[in-house]
Each structure stands twice: as structure tokens, then as C-alpha cells.
Amino acid sequence: MKAEAVLIVSDECEPVFTDGSIEYKQVEIMDEEGEDVKGLFRDCIQFIDRVVQKEGKTILVHCAAGVSRSASVVIAYIMFSRKIPLKEAHAFVLEKSPCIKPNTSFMKQLQVFEDELTKEGHYI
């Protein structure tokens, strides 16, 4: 399946296809402990949701290795869109891509994001 949109969640990668055939959004996230990824979740979720749900397109979310940054963003999206807790969302993404391993800081931020969603009544 060909991606029709790409969300780059890395400060190291650049768009490859520049002919306008693929929609790109880049969010520069460093794969470092302490990097504020949670502050970018909602922007990324909004982009993914528009592309997938409203436009019916396929999307690729990627970073340099596909292990931590992109996995964290996809987990946040799954939590939000499917209204499921972190543990279930992580297991779902891990089943689809066994190589994922968000760093410790990103996992803590995903937990805080889950707490925010709970306080907002998102899971009701």
C-alpha cells in the first residue's frame, strides 16, 4: 500500500519525494530523554486524523529508526482515536511492529497523556 501522506517525526530526516505527489508534515523531535514529545502529540494526532479519517488516505509515520519517536506518536494516536488506554495501544502497535521501544521519557509522557485524556473524559 502506497503512502499518500507522510508524517516525519525526526530532526534528522527530510522529505524524499518533492514533486508534490505526497503530502508531508515534519515535526522535529529528537530521540533524547527529556525531549517534550507530549507537547506535540495533539498536533500530530490532528494531522493523522485529517489525512486518515477525513480524507481517507494512507499515511506513513516515520523517524530515523522507527523505534521510539514514530512509535510514541502512533501510540498516542491509537489511544486517542480508539479511546483505549496506553497499555492496550502499546500492545496493539507492538503487535503490528515488534521492533518498537519508545524511550523511558516518551513512555512517561504517554502516561501523562493518558492521564490528560482520562481527566477530559475521553474514555467515557
PDB file of N, CA and C in Angstrom:
ATOM      1  N   MET A   1       0.835  -1.165   0.000  1.00  0.00           N
ATOM      2  CA  MET A   1       0.000   0.000   0.000  1.00  0.00           C
ATOM      3  C   MET A   1       0.890   1.241   0.000  1.00  0.00           C
ATOM      4  N   LYS A   2       0.676   2.117  -0.922  1.00  0.00           N
ATOM      5  CA  LYS A   2       1.493   3.318  -1.063  1.00  0.00           C
ATOM      6  C   LYS A   2       0.998   4.420  -0.127  1.00  0.00           C
ATOM      7  N   ALA A   3       1.917   5.034   0.571  1.00  0.00           N
ATOM      8  CA  ALA A   3       1.566   6.148   1.453  1.00  0.00           C
ATOM      9  C   ALA A   3       1.233   7.372   0.610  1.00  0.00           C
ATOM     10  N   GLU A   4       0.135   8.026   0.979  1.00  0.00           N
ATOM     11  CA  GLU A   4      -0.275   9.246   0.289  1.00  0.00           C
ATOM     12  C   GLU A   4       0.097  10.487   1.084  1.00  0.00           C
ATOM     13  N   ALA A   5       0.492  10.273   2.328  1.00  0.00           N
ATOM     14  CA  ALA A   5       0.948  11.350   3.196  1.00  0.00           C
ATOM     15  C   ALA A   5       2.010  10.780   4.126  1.00  0.00           C
ATOM     16  N   VAL A   6       2.909  11.643   4.552  1.00  0.00           N
ATOM     17  CA  VAL A   6       3.998  11.217   5.431  1.00  0.00           C
ATOM     18  C   VAL A   6       4.133  12.218   6.573  1.00  0.00           C
ATOM     19  N   LEU A   7       4.158  11.685   7.781  1.00  0.00           N
ATOM     20  CA  LEU A   7       4.450  12.491   8.958  1.00  0.00           C
ATOM     21  C   LEU A   7       5.848  12.105   9.414  1.00  0.00           C
ATOM     22  N   ILE A   8       6.773  13.038   9.284  1.00  0.00           N
ATOM     23  CA  ILE A   8       8.155  12.813   9.714  1.00  0.00           C
ATOM     24  C   ILE A   8       8.277  13.372  11.132  1.00  0.00           C
ATOM     25  N   VAL A   9       8.636  12.518  12.078  1.00  0.00           N
ATOM     26  CA  VAL A   9       8.788  12.957  13.464  1.00  0.00           C
ATOM     27  C   VAL A   9      10.258  12.802  13.860  1.00  0.00           C
ATOM     28  N   SER A  10      11.071  13.577  13.199  1.00  0.00           N
ATOM     29  CA  SER A  10      12.516  13.480  13.379  1.00  0.00           C
ATOM     30  C   SER A  10      13.155  14.807  13.018  1.00  0.00           C
ATOM     31  N   ASP A  11      14.272  15.073  13.643  1.00  0.00           N
ATOM     32  CA  ASP A  11      15.062  16.240  13.268  1.00  0.00           C
ATOM     33  C   ASP A  11      16.167  15.838  12.291  1.00  0.00           C
ATOM     34  N   GLU A  12      16.191  14.552  11.899  1.00  0.00           N
ATOM     35  CA  GLU A  12      17.271  14.022  11.060  1.00  0.00           C
ATOM     36  C   GLU A  12      16.842  13.676   9.640  1.00  0.00           C
ATOM     37  N   CYS A  13      15.543  13.605   9.374  1.00  0.00           N
ATOM     38  CA  CYS A  13      15.047  13.135   8.077  1.00  0.00           C
ATOM     39  C   CYS A  13      14.438  14.284   7.284  1.00  0.00           C
ATOM     40  N   GLU A  14      14.490  14.158   5.991  1.00  0.00           N
ATOM     41  CA  GLU A  14      13.922  15.156   5.088  1.00  0.00           C
ATOM     42  C   GLU A  14      12.967  14.471   4.122  1.00  0.00           C
ATOM     43  N   PRO A  15      11.987  15.208   3.581  1.00  0.00           N
ATOM     44  CA  PRO A  15      11.109  14.630   2.561  1.00  0.00           C
ATOM     45  C   PRO A  15      11.911  14.129   1.367  1.00  0.00           C
ATOM     46  N   VAL A  16      11.491  12.986   0.835  1.00  0.00           N
ATOM     47  CA  VAL A  16      12.192  12.373  -0.293  1.00  0.00           C
ATOM     48  C   VAL A  16      11.545  12.766  -1.614  1.00  0.00           C
ATOM     49  N   PHE A  17      10.228  12.677  -1.672  1.00  0.00           N
ATOM     50  CA  PHE A  17       9.505  12.990  -2.898  1.00  0.00           C
ATOM     51  C   PHE A  17       9.047  14.441  -2.836  1.00  0.00           C
ATOM     52  N   THR A  18       9.649  15.281  -3.629  1.00  0.00           N
ATOM     53  CA  THR A  18       9.359  16.709  -3.567  1.00  0.00           C
ATOM     54  C   THR A  18       8.544  17.199  -4.755  1.00  0.00           C
ATOM     55  N   ASP A  19       7.941  16.269  -5.489  1.00  0.00           N
ATOM     56  CA  ASP A  19       7.160  16.658  -6.666  1.00  0.00           C
ATOM     57  C   ASP A  19       5.714  17.000  -6.327  1.00  0.00           C
ATOM     58  N   GLY A  20       5.352  16.972  -5.051  1.00  0.00           N
ATOM     59  CA  GLY A  20       4.000  17.312  -4.632  1.00  0.00           C
ATOM     60  C   GLY A  20       3.034  16.147  -4.640  1.00  0.00           C
ATOM     61  N   SER A  21       3.502  14.955  -5.004  1.00  0.00           N
ATOM     62  CA  SER A  21       2.612  13.792  -5.065  1.00  0.00           C
ATOM     63  C   SER A  21       2.279  13.238  -3.679  1.00  0.00           C
ATOM     64  N   ILE A  22       3.087  13.573  -2.699  1.00  0.00           N
ATOM     65  CA  ILE A  22       2.878  13.110  -1.326  1.00  0.00           C
ATOM     66  C   ILE A  22       2.852  14.323  -0.406  1.00  0.00           C
ATOM     67  N   GLU A  23       1.850  14.361   0.463  1.00  0.00           N
ATOM     68  CA  GLU A  23       1.759  15.439   1.440  1.00  0.00           C
ATOM     69  C   GLU A  23       2.682  15.123   2.613  1.00  0.00           C
ATOM     70  N   TYR A  24       3.491  16.088   2.982  1.00  0.00           N
ATOM     71  CA  TYR A  24       4.420  15.909   4.096  1.00  0.00           C
ATOM     72  C   TYR A  24       4.103  16.874   5.228  1.00  0.00           C
ATOM     73  N   LYS A  25       4.336  16.405   6.430  1.00  0.00           N
ATOM     74  CA  LYS A  25       4.381  17.271   7.608  1.00  0.00           C
ATOM     75  C   LYS A  25       5.582  16.803   8.405  1.00  0.00           C
ATOM     76  N   GLN A  26       6.386  17.749   8.839  1.00  0.00           N
ATOM     77  CA  GLN A  26       7.552  17.393   9.644  1.00  0.00           C
ATOM     78  C   GLN A  26       7.455  18.048  11.005  1.00  0.00           C
ATOM     79  N   VAL A  27       7.640  17.232  12.027  1.00  0.00           N
ATOM     80  CA  VAL A  27       7.684  17.687  13.405  1.00  0.00           C
ATOM     81  C   VAL A  27       9.042  17.246  13.935  1.00  0.00           C
ATOM     82  N   GLU A  28       9.871  18.208  14.263  1.00  0.00           N
ATOM     83  CA  GLU A  28      11.234  17.872  14.675  1.00  0.00           C
ATOM     84  C   GLU A  28      11.268  17.427  16.131  1.00  0.00           C
ATOM     85  N   ILE A  29      11.512  16.142  16.303  1.00  0.00           N
ATOM     86  CA  ILE A  29      11.626  15.538  17.631  1.00  0.00           C
ATOM     87  C   ILE A  29      12.986  14.850  17.711  1.00  0.00           C
ATOM     88  N   MET A  30      13.731  15.156  18.762  1.00  0.00           N
ATOM     89  CA  MET A  30      14.997  14.469  18.988  1.00  0.00           C
ATOM     90  C   MET A  30      14.728  13.242  19.847  1.00  0.00           C
ATOM     91  N   ASP A  31      15.422  12.170  19.581  1.00  0.00           N
ATOM     92  CA  ASP A  31      15.242  10.939  20.353  1.00  0.00           C
ATOM     93  C   ASP A  31      16.155  10.990  21.571  1.00  0.00           C
ATOM     94  N   GLU A  32      15.771  11.832  22.515  1.00  0.00           N
ATOM     95  CA  GLU A  32      16.570  12.030  23.719  1.00  0.00           C
ATOM     96  C   GLU A  32      15.663  12.042  24.933  1.00  0.00           C
ATOM     97  N   GLU A  33      16.180  11.540  26.029  1.00  0.00           N
ATOM     98  CA  GLU A  33      15.454  11.627  27.292  1.00  0.00           C
ATOM     99  C   GLU A  33      15.199  13.110  27.566  1.00  0.00           C
ATOM    100  N   GLY A  34      14.015  13.434  27.998  1.00  0.00           N
ATOM    101  CA  GLY A  34      13.696  14.816  28.320  1.00  0.00           C
ATOM    102  C   GLY A  34      13.118  15.618  27.166  1.00  0.00           C
ATOM    103  N   GLU A  35      13.157  15.099  25.962  1.00  0.00           N
ATOM    104  CA  GLU A  35      12.549  15.794  24.824  1.00  0.00           C
ATOM    105  C   GLU A  35      11.035  15.850  25.044  1.00  0.00           C
ATOM    106  N   ASP A  36      10.435  17.013  24.811  1.00  0.00           N
ATOM    107  CA  ASP A  36       8.998  17.177  25.034  1.00  0.00           C
ATOM    108  C   ASP A  36       8.208  16.675  23.835  1.00  0.00           C
ATOM    109  N   VAL A  37       7.910  15.392  23.839  1.00  0.00           N
ATOM    110  CA  VAL A  37       7.126  14.809  22.749  1.00  0.00           C
ATOM    111  C   VAL A  37       5.632  14.973  23.030  1.00  0.00           C
ATOM    112  N   LYS A  38       5.244  14.967  24.290  1.00  0.00           N
ATOM    113  CA  LYS A  38       3.827  15.075  24.641  1.00  0.00           C
ATOM    114  C   LYS A  38       3.225  16.378  24.132  1.00  0.00           C
ATOM    115  N   GLY A  39       4.005  17.431  24.153  1.00  0.00           N
ATOM    116  CA  GLY A  39       3.528  18.723  23.676  1.00  0.00           C
ATOM    117  C   GLY A  39       3.227  18.741  22.185  1.00  0.00           C
ATOM    118  N   LEU A  40       3.677  17.717  21.476  1.00  0.00           N
ATOM    119  CA  LEU A  40       3.462  17.632  20.028  1.00  0.00           C
ATOM    120  C   LEU A  40       2.410  16.595  19.647  1.00  0.00           C
ATOM    121  N   PHE A  41       1.963  15.792  20.608  1.00  0.00           N
ATOM    122  CA  PHE A  41       1.006  14.721  20.303  1.00  0.00           C
ATOM    123  C   PHE A  41      -0.246  15.238  19.604  1.00  0.00           C
ATOM    124  N   ARG A  42      -0.859  16.271  20.147  1.00  0.00           N
ATOM    125  CA  ARG A  42      -2.146  16.721  19.597  1.00  0.00           C
ATOM    126  C   ARG A  42      -2.008  17.267  18.183  1.00  0.00           C
ATOM    127  N   ASP A  43      -0.926  17.951  17.896  1.00  0.00           N
ATOM    128  CA  ASP A  43      -0.683  18.436  16.532  1.00  0.00           C
ATOM    129  C   ASP A  43      -0.528  17.257  15.573  1.00  0.00           C
ATOM    130  N   CYS A  44       0.231  16.259  15.983  1.00  0.00           N
ATOM    131  CA  CYS A  44       0.421  15.065  15.146  1.00  0.00           C
ATOM    132  C   CYS A  44      -0.889  14.299  14.980  1.00  0.00           C
ATOM    133  N   ILE A  45      -1.639  14.154  16.067  1.00  0.00           N
ATOM    134  CA  ILE A  45      -2.923  13.453  16.013  1.00  0.00           C
ATOM    135  C   ILE A  45      -3.871  14.166  15.056  1.00  0.00           C
ATOM    136  N   GLN A  46      -3.891  15.474  15.124  1.00  0.00           N
ATOM    137  CA  GLN A  46      -4.768  16.258  14.245  1.00  0.00           C
ATOM    138  C   GLN A  46      -4.414  16.019  12.775  1.00  0.00           C
ATOM    139  N   PHE A  47      -3.130  15.996  12.461  1.00  0.00           N
ATOM    140  CA  PHE A  47      -2.691  15.749  11.085  1.00  0.00           C
ATOM    141  C   PHE A  47      -3.069  14.334  10.644  1.00  0.00           C
ATOM    142  N   ILE A  48      -2.744  13.344  11.466  1.00  0.00           N
ATOM    143  CA  ILE A  48      -3.058  11.953  11.115  1.00  0.00           C
ATOM    144  C   ILE A  48      -4.566  11.784  10.939  1.00  0.00           C
ATOM    145  N   ASP A  49      -5.335  12.344  11.859  1.00  0.00           N
ATOM    146  CA  ASP A  49      -6.789  12.206  11.804  1.00  0.00           C
ATOM    147  C   ASP A  49      -7.358  12.823  10.526  1.00  0.00           C
ATOM    148  N   ARG A  50      -6.869  13.990  10.161  1.00  0.00           N
ATOM    149  CA  ARG A  50      -7.346  14.633   8.929  1.00  0.00           C
ATOM    150  C   ARG A  50      -7.041  13.772   7.717  1.00  0.00           C
ATOM    151  N   VAL A  51      -5.808  13.306   7.623  1.00  0.00           N
ATOM    152  CA  VAL A  51      -5.389  12.513   6.467  1.00  0.00           C
ATOM    153  C   VAL A  51      -6.149  11.190   6.393  1.00  0.00           C
ATOM    154  N   VAL A  52      -6.220  10.482   7.507  1.00  0.00           N
ATOM    155  CA  VAL A  52      -6.795   9.129   7.514  1.00  0.00           C
ATOM    156  C   VAL A  52      -8.321   9.152   7.570  1.00  0.00           C
ATOM    157  N   GLN A  53      -8.872   9.863   8.534  1.00  0.00           N
ATOM    158  CA  GLN A  53     -10.321   9.819   8.748  1.00  0.00           C
ATOM    159  C   GLN A  53     -11.101  10.716   7.790  1.00  0.00           C
ATOM    160  N   LYS A  54     -10.642  11.940   7.596  1.00  0.00           N
ATOM    161  CA  LYS A  54     -11.407  12.883   6.780  1.00  0.00           C
ATOM    162  C   LYS A  54     -11.135  12.738   5.286  1.00  0.00           C
ATOM    163  N   GLU A  55      -9.872  12.441   4.937  1.00  0.00           N
ATOM    164  CA  GLU A  55      -9.515  12.346   3.521  1.00  0.00           C
ATOM    165  C   GLU A  55      -9.412  10.909   3.026  1.00  0.00           C
ATOM    166  N   GLY A  56      -9.422   9.944   3.935  1.00  0.00           N
ATOM    167  CA  GLY A  56      -9.374   8.537   3.554  1.00  0.00           C
ATOM    168  C   GLY A  56      -8.076   8.109   2.889  1.00  0.00           C
ATOM    169  N   LYS A  57      -6.994   8.796   3.228  1.00  0.00           N
ATOM    170  CA  LYS A  57      -5.691   8.482   2.634  1.00  0.00           C
ATOM    171  C   LYS A  57      -4.880   7.584   3.565  1.00  0.00           C
ATOM    172  N   THR A  58      -3.848   6.980   2.990  1.00  0.00           N
ATOM    173  CA  THR A  58      -2.904   6.206   3.793  1.00  0.00           C
ATOM    174  C   THR A  58      -1.775   7.128   4.235  1.00  0.00           C
ATOM    175  N   ILE A  59      -1.221   6.825   5.387  1.00  0.00           N
ATOM    176  CA  ILE A  59      -0.161   7.674   5.930  1.00  0.00           C
ATOM    177  C   ILE A  59       0.981   6.814   6.453  1.00  0.00           C
ATOM    178  N   LEU A  60       2.173   7.338   6.339  1.00  0.00           N
ATOM    179  CA  LEU A  60       3.366   6.741   6.928  1.00  0.00           C
ATOM    180  C   LEU A  60       3.859   7.705   7.995  1.00  0.00           C
ATOM    181  N   VAL A  61       4.041   7.203   9.201  1.00  0.00           N
ATOM    182  CA  VAL A  61       4.631   7.993  10.276  1.00  0.00           C
ATOM    183  C   VAL A  61       6.016   7.415  10.495  1.00  0.00           C
ATOM    184  N   HIS A  62       7.040   8.247  10.329  1.00  0.00           N
ATOM    185  CA  HIS A  62       8.385   7.686  10.484  1.00  0.00           C
ATOM    186  C   HIS A  62       9.354   8.652  11.134  1.00  0.00           C
ATOM    187  N   CYS A  63      10.409   8.054  11.663  1.00  0.00           N
ATOM    188  CA  CYS A  63      11.543   8.786  12.216  1.00  0.00           C
ATOM    189  C   CYS A  63      12.787   8.130  11.628  1.00  0.00           C
ATOM    190  N   ALA A  64      13.912   8.247  12.264  1.00  0.00           N
ATOM    191  CA  ALA A  64      15.139   7.677  11.700  1.00  0.00           C
ATOM    192  C   ALA A  64      15.166   6.151  11.787  1.00  0.00           C
ATOM    193  N   ALA A  65      14.738   5.595  12.917  1.00  0.00           N
ATOM    194  CA  ALA A  65      14.832   4.145  13.111  1.00  0.00           C
ATOM    195  C   ALA A  65      13.481   3.445  13.233  1.00  0.00           C
ATOM    196  N   GLY A  66      12.406   4.198  13.467  1.00  0.00           N
ATOM    197  CA  GLY A  66      11.091   3.588  13.607  1.00  0.00           C
ATOM    198  C   GLY A  66      10.896   2.856  14.922  1.00  0.00           C
ATOM    199  N   VAL A  67      11.656   3.244  15.924  1.00  0.00           N
ATOM    200  CA  VAL A  67      11.630   2.519  17.191  1.00  0.00           C
ATOM    201  C   VAL A  67      10.982   3.339  18.314  1.00  0.00           C
ATOM    202  N   SER A  68      11.329   4.594  18.441  1.00  0.00           N
ATOM    203  CA  SER A  68      10.905   5.371  19.601  1.00  0.00           C
ATOM    204  C   SER A  68       9.987   6.547  19.257  1.00  0.00           C
ATOM    205  N   ARG A  69      10.462   7.489  18.449  1.00  0.00           N
ATOM    206  CA  ARG A  69       9.682   8.698  18.167  1.00  0.00           C
ATOM    207  C   ARG A  69       8.395   8.408  17.412  1.00  0.00           C
ATOM    208  N   SER A  70       8.507   7.746  16.272  1.00  0.00           N
ATOM    209  CA  SER A  70       7.301   7.454  15.487  1.00  0.00           C
ATOM    210  C   SER A  70       6.375   6.523  16.257  1.00  0.00           C
ATOM    211  N   ALA A  71       6.942   5.568  16.968  1.00  0.00           N
ATOM    212  CA  ALA A  71       6.126   4.648  17.761  1.00  0.00           C
ATOM    213  C   ALA A  71       5.332   5.405  18.819  1.00  0.00           C
ATOM    214  N   SER A  72       5.962   6.364  19.473  1.00  0.00           N
ATOM    215  CA  SER A  72       5.281   7.143  20.507  1.00  0.00           C
ATOM    216  C   SER A  72       4.116   7.937  19.934  1.00  0.00           C
ATOM    217  N   VAL A  73       4.329   8.548  18.781  1.00  0.00           N
ATOM    218  CA  VAL A  73       3.265   9.327  18.139  1.00  0.00           C
ATOM    219  C   VAL A  73       2.119   8.417  17.705  1.00  0.00           C
ATOM    220  N   VAL A  74       2.442   7.269  17.135  1.00  0.00           N
ATOM    221  CA  VAL A  74       1.397   6.335  16.702  1.00  0.00           C
ATOM    222  C   VAL A  74       0.631   5.790  17.912  1.00  0.00           C
ATOM    223  N   ILE A  75       1.325   5.485  18.985  1.00  0.00           N
ATOM    224  CA  ILE A  75       0.649   5.020  20.199  1.00  0.00           C
ATOM    225  C   ILE A  75      -0.309   6.098  20.709  1.00  0.00           C
ATOM    226  N   ALA A  76       0.143   7.347  20.734  1.00  0.00           N
ATOM    227  CA  ALA A  76      -0.726   8.452  21.173  1.00  0.00           C
ATOM    228  C   ALA A  76      -1.954   8.556  20.271  1.00  0.00           C
ATOM    229  N   TYR A  77      -1.751   8.411  18.970  1.00  0.00           N
ATOM    230  CA  TYR A  77      -2.881   8.469  18.032  1.00  0.00           C
ATOM    231  C   TYR A  77      -3.862   7.323  18.281  1.00  0.00           C
ATOM    232  N   ILE A  78      -3.352   6.131  18.485  1.00  0.00           N
ATOM    233  CA  ILE A  78      -4.214   4.970  18.732  1.00  0.00           C
ATOM    234  C   ILE A  78      -4.987   5.164  20.039  1.00  0.00           C
ATOM    235  N   MET A  79      -4.324   5.668  21.072  1.00  0.00           N
ATOM    236  CA  MET A  79      -5.008   5.947  22.335  1.00  0.00           C
ATOM    237  C   MET A  79      -6.171   6.904  22.108  1.00  0.00           C
ATOM    238  N   PHE A  80      -5.898   7.956  21.355  1.00  0.00           N
ATOM    239  CA  PHE A  80      -6.897   8.996  21.123  1.00  0.00           C
ATOM    240  C   PHE A  80      -8.022   8.511  20.211  1.00  0.00           C
ATOM    241  N   SER A  81      -7.665   7.938  19.085  1.00  0.00           N
ATOM    242  CA  SER A  81      -8.671   7.590  18.074  1.00  0.00           C
ATOM    243  C   SER A  81      -9.523   6.385  18.455  1.00  0.00           C
ATOM    244  N   ARG A  82      -8.920   5.420  19.129  1.00  0.00           N
ATOM    245  CA  ARG A  82      -9.664   4.211  19.513  1.00  0.00           C
ATOM    246  C   ARG A  82     -10.184   4.269  20.942  1.00  0.00           C
ATOM    247  N   LYS A  83      -9.827   5.357  21.623  1.00  0.00           N
ATOM    248  CA  LYS A  83     -10.257   5.554  23.015  1.00  0.00           C
ATOM    249  C   LYS A  83      -9.857   4.374  23.900  1.00  0.00           C
ATOM    250  N   ILE A  84      -8.585   3.990  23.759  1.00  0.00           N
ATOM    251  CA  ILE A  84      -8.070   2.887  24.567  1.00  0.00           C
ATOM    252  C   ILE A  84      -6.878   3.369  25.390  1.00  0.00           C
ATOM    253  N   PRO A  85      -6.639   2.737  26.541  1.00  0.00           N
ATOM    254  CA  PRO A  85      -5.534   3.162  27.401  1.00  0.00           C
ATOM    255  C   PRO A  85      -4.164   2.821  26.806  1.00  0.00           C
ATOM    256  N   LEU A  86      -3.167   3.420  27.397  1.00  0.00           N
ATOM    257  CA  LEU A  86      -1.787   3.267  26.940  1.00  0.00           C
ATOM    258  C   LEU A  86      -1.376   1.808  26.797  1.00  0.00           C
ATOM    259  N   LYS A  87      -1.649   1.005  27.797  1.00  0.00           N
ATOM    260  CA  LYS A  87      -1.209  -0.395  27.767  1.00  0.00           C
ATOM    261  C   LYS A  87      -1.759  -1.118  26.535  1.00  0.00           C
ATOM    262  N   GLU A  88      -3.028  -0.918  26.234  1.00  0.00           N
ATOM    263  CA  GLU A  88      -3.640  -1.565  25.068  1.00  0.00           C
ATOM    264  C   GLU A  88      -3.094  -0.998  23.763  1.00  0.00           C
ATOM    265  N   ALA A  89      -2.938   0.310  23.710  1.00  0.00           N
ATOM    266  CA  ALA A  89      -2.426   0.946  22.493  1.00  0.00           C
ATOM    267  C   ALA A  89      -1.000   0.489  22.213  1.00  0.00           C
ATOM    268  N   HIS A  90      -0.184   0.420  23.260  1.00  0.00           N
ATOM    269  CA  HIS A  90       1.197  -0.037  23.105  1.00  0.00           C
ATOM    270  C   HIS A  90       1.220  -1.473  22.591  1.00  0.00           C
ATOM    271  N   ALA A  91       0.398  -2.330  23.182  1.00  0.00           N
ATOM    272  CA  ALA A  91       0.343  -3.739  22.753  1.00  0.00           C
ATOM    273  C   ALA A  91      -0.109  -3.853  21.298  1.00  0.00           C
ATOM    274  N   PHE A  92      -1.068  -3.037  20.901  1.00  0.00           N
ATOM    275  CA  PHE A  92      -1.569  -3.047  19.525  1.00  0.00           C
ATOM    276  C   PHE A  92      -0.460  -2.672  18.541  1.00  0.00           C
ATOM    277  N   VAL A  93       0.246  -1.583  18.831  1.00  0.00           N
ATOM    278  CA  VAL A  93       1.316  -1.127  17.937  1.00  0.00           C
ATOM    279  C   VAL A  93       2.471  -2.124  17.947  1.00  0.00           C
ATOM    280  N   LEU A  94       2.802  -2.671  19.107  1.00  0.00           N
ATOM    281  CA  LEU A  94       3.872  -3.664  19.219  1.00  0.00           C
ATOM    282  C   LEU A  94       3.556  -4.908  18.388  1.00  0.00           C
ATOM    283  N   GLU A  95       2.298  -5.303  18.366  1.00  0.00           N
ATOM    284  CA  GLU A  95       1.896  -6.458  17.561  1.00  0.00           C
ATOM    285  C   GLU A  95       2.106  -6.189  16.067  1.00  0.00           C
ATOM    286  N   LYS A  96       1.836  -4.957  15.650  1.00  0.00           N
ATOM    287  CA  LYS A  96       1.987  -4.592  14.234  1.00  0.00           C
ATOM    288  C   LYS A  96       3.448  -4.362  13.857  1.00  0.00           C
ATOM    289  N   SER A  97       4.222  -3.866  14.816  1.00  0.00           N
ATOM    290  CA  SER A  97       5.631  -3.546  14.567  1.00  0.00           C
ATOM    291  C   SER A  97       6.457  -3.955  15.789  1.00  0.00           C
ATOM    292  N   PRO A  98       6.918  -5.211  15.823  1.00  0.00           N
ATOM    293  CA  PRO A  98       7.600  -5.750  17.007  1.00  0.00           C
ATOM    294  C   PRO A  98       8.902  -5.046  17.404  1.00  0.00           C
ATOM    295  N   CYS A  99       9.422  -4.183  16.563  1.00  0.00           N
ATOM    296  CA  CYS A  99      10.695  -3.527  16.880  1.00  0.00           C
ATOM    297  C   CYS A  99      10.531  -2.256  17.713  1.00  0.00           C
ATOM    298  N   ILE A 100       9.296  -1.830  17.986  1.00  0.00           N
ATOM    299  CA  ILE A 100       9.130  -0.554  18.693  1.00  0.00           C
ATOM    300  C   ILE A 100       9.615  -0.641  20.132  1.00  0.00           C
ATOM    301  N   LYS A 101      10.159   0.482  20.600  1.00  0.00           N
ATOM    302  CA  LYS A 101      10.584   0.581  22.002  1.00  0.00           C
ATOM    303  C   LYS A 101      10.753   2.061  22.344  1.00  0.00           C
ATOM    304  N   PRO A 102       9.629   2.736  22.616  1.00  0.00           N
ATOM    305  CA  PRO A 102       9.742   4.147  22.996  1.00  0.00           C
ATOM    306  C   PRO A 102      10.673   4.300  24.199  1.00  0.00           C
ATOM    307  N   ASN A 103      11.496   5.353  24.174  1.00  0.00           N
ATOM    308  CA  ASN A 103      12.416   5.535  25.293  1.00  0.00           C
ATOM    309  C   ASN A 103      11.637   5.818  26.582  1.00  0.00           C
ATOM    310  N   THR A 104      12.310   5.709  27.698  1.00  0.00           N
ATOM    311  CA  THR A 104      11.669   5.835  29.008  1.00  0.00           C
ATOM    312  C   THR A 104      10.938   7.160  29.168  1.00  0.00           C
ATOM    313  N   SER A 105      11.556   8.239  28.729  1.00  0.00           N
ATOM    314  CA  SER A 105      10.939   9.557  28.832  1.00  0.00           C
ATOM    315  C   SER A 105       9.656   9.633  28.008  1.00  0.00           C
ATOM    316  N   PHE A 106       9.674   9.076  26.808  1.00  0.00           N
ATOM    317  CA  PHE A 106       8.485   9.101  25.953  1.00  0.00           C
ATOM    318  C   PHE A 106       7.364   8.270  26.566  1.00  0.00           C
ATOM    319  N   MET A 107       7.702   7.134  27.175  1.00  0.00           N
ATOM    320  CA  MET A 107       6.679   6.312  27.828  1.00  0.00           C
ATOM    321  C   MET A 107       6.051   7.068  29.004  1.00  0.00           C
ATOM    322  N   LYS A 108       6.866   7.794  29.757  1.00  0.00           N
ATOM    323  CA  LYS A 108       6.329   8.590  30.865  1.00  0.00           C
ATOM    324  C   LYS A 108       5.385   9.670  30.337  1.00  0.00           C
ATOM    325  N   GLN A 109       5.769  10.273  29.219  1.00  0.00           N
ATOM    326  CA  GLN A 109       4.924  11.312  28.630  1.00  0.00           C
ATOM    327  C   GLN A 109       3.634  10.726  28.056  1.00  0.00           C
ATOM    328  N   LEU A 110       3.696   9.519  27.537  1.00  0.00           N
ATOM    329  CA  LEU A 110       2.479   8.841  27.082  1.00  0.00           C
ATOM    330  C   LEU A 110       1.556   8.571  28.271  1.00  0.00           C
ATOM    331  N   GLN A 111       2.132   8.238  29.419  1.00  0.00           N
ATOM    332  CA  GLN A 111       1.322   8.028  30.626  1.00  0.00           C
ATOM    333  C   GLN A 111       0.641   9.328  31.044  1.00  0.00           C
ATOM    334  N   VAL A 112       1.372  10.431  30.986  1.00  0.00           N
ATOM    335  CA  VAL A 112       0.785  11.737  31.317  1.00  0.00           C
ATOM    336  C   VAL A 112      -0.323  12.076  30.317  1.00  0.00           C
ATOM    337  N   PHE A 113      -0.100  11.766  29.047  1.00  0.00           N
ATOM    338  CA  PHE A 113      -1.116  11.994  28.018  1.00  0.00           C
ATOM    339  C   PHE A 113      -2.368  11.165  28.318  1.00  0.00           C
ATOM    340  N   GLU A 114      -2.174   9.920  28.722  1.00  0.00           N
ATOM    341  CA  GLU A 114      -3.311   9.077  29.103  1.00  0.00           C
ATOM    342  C   GLU A 114      -4.067   9.704  30.279  1.00  0.00           C
ATOM    343  N   ASP A 115      -3.339  10.211  31.260  1.00  0.00           N
ATOM    344  CA  ASP A 115      -3.966  10.865  32.408  1.00  0.00           C
ATOM    345  C   ASP A 115      -4.785  12.077  31.962  1.00  0.00           C
ATOM    346  N   GLU A 116      -4.239  12.858  31.023  1.00  0.00           N
ATOM    347  CA  GLU A 116      -4.964  14.019  30.494  1.00  0.00           C
ATOM    348  C   GLU A 116      -6.251  13.583  29.798  1.00  0.00           C
ATOM    349  N   LEU A 117      -6.148  12.552  28.968  1.00  0.00           N
ATOM    350  CA  LEU A 117      -7.331  12.060  28.258  1.00  0.00           C
ATOM    351  C   LEU A 117      -8.385  11.569  29.247  1.00  0.00           C
ATOM    352  N   THR A 118      -7.942  10.919  30.312  1.00  0.00           N
ATOM    353  CA  THR A 118      -8.869  10.431  31.338  1.00  0.00           C
ATOM    354  C   THR A 118      -9.572  11.602  32.015  1.00  0.00           C
ATOM    355  N   LYS A 119      -8.816  12.627  32.393  1.00  0.00           N
ATOM    356  CA  LYS A 119      -9.398  13.808  33.049  1.00  0.00           C
ATOM    357  C   LYS A 119     -10.384  14.529  32.136  1.00  0.00           C
ATOM    358  N   GLU A 120     -10.130  14.485  30.832  1.00  0.00           N
ATOM    359  CA  GLU A 120     -11.020  15.129  29.857  1.00  0.00           C
ATOM    360  C   GLU A 120     -12.272  14.298  29.592  1.00  0.00           C
ATOM    361  N   GLY A 121     -12.339  13.096  30.169  1.00  0.00           N
ATOM    362  CA  GLY A 121     -13.480  12.220  29.938  1.00  0.00           C
ATOM    363  C   GLY A 121     -13.438  11.541  28.587  1.00  0.00           C
ATOM    364  N   HIS A 122     -12.256  11.439  28.026  1.00  0.00           N
ATOM    365  CA  HIS A 122     -12.093  10.882  26.678  1.00  0.00           C
ATOM    366  C   HIS A 122     -12.481   9.412  26.595  1.00  0.00           C
ATOM    367  N   TYR A 123     -12.269   8.664  27.669  1.00  0.00           N
ATOM    368  CA  TYR A 123     -12.508   7.221  27.633  1.00  0.00           C
ATOM    369  C   TYR A 123     -13.931   6.826  28.011  1.00  0.00           C
ATOM    370  N   ILE A 124     -14.777   7.800  28.277  1.00  0.00           N
ATOM    371  CA  ILE A 124     -16.160   7.504  28.688  1.00  0.00           C
ATOM    372  C   ILE A 124     -16.991   7.145  27.468  1.00  0.00           C
TER     373      ILE A 124
END
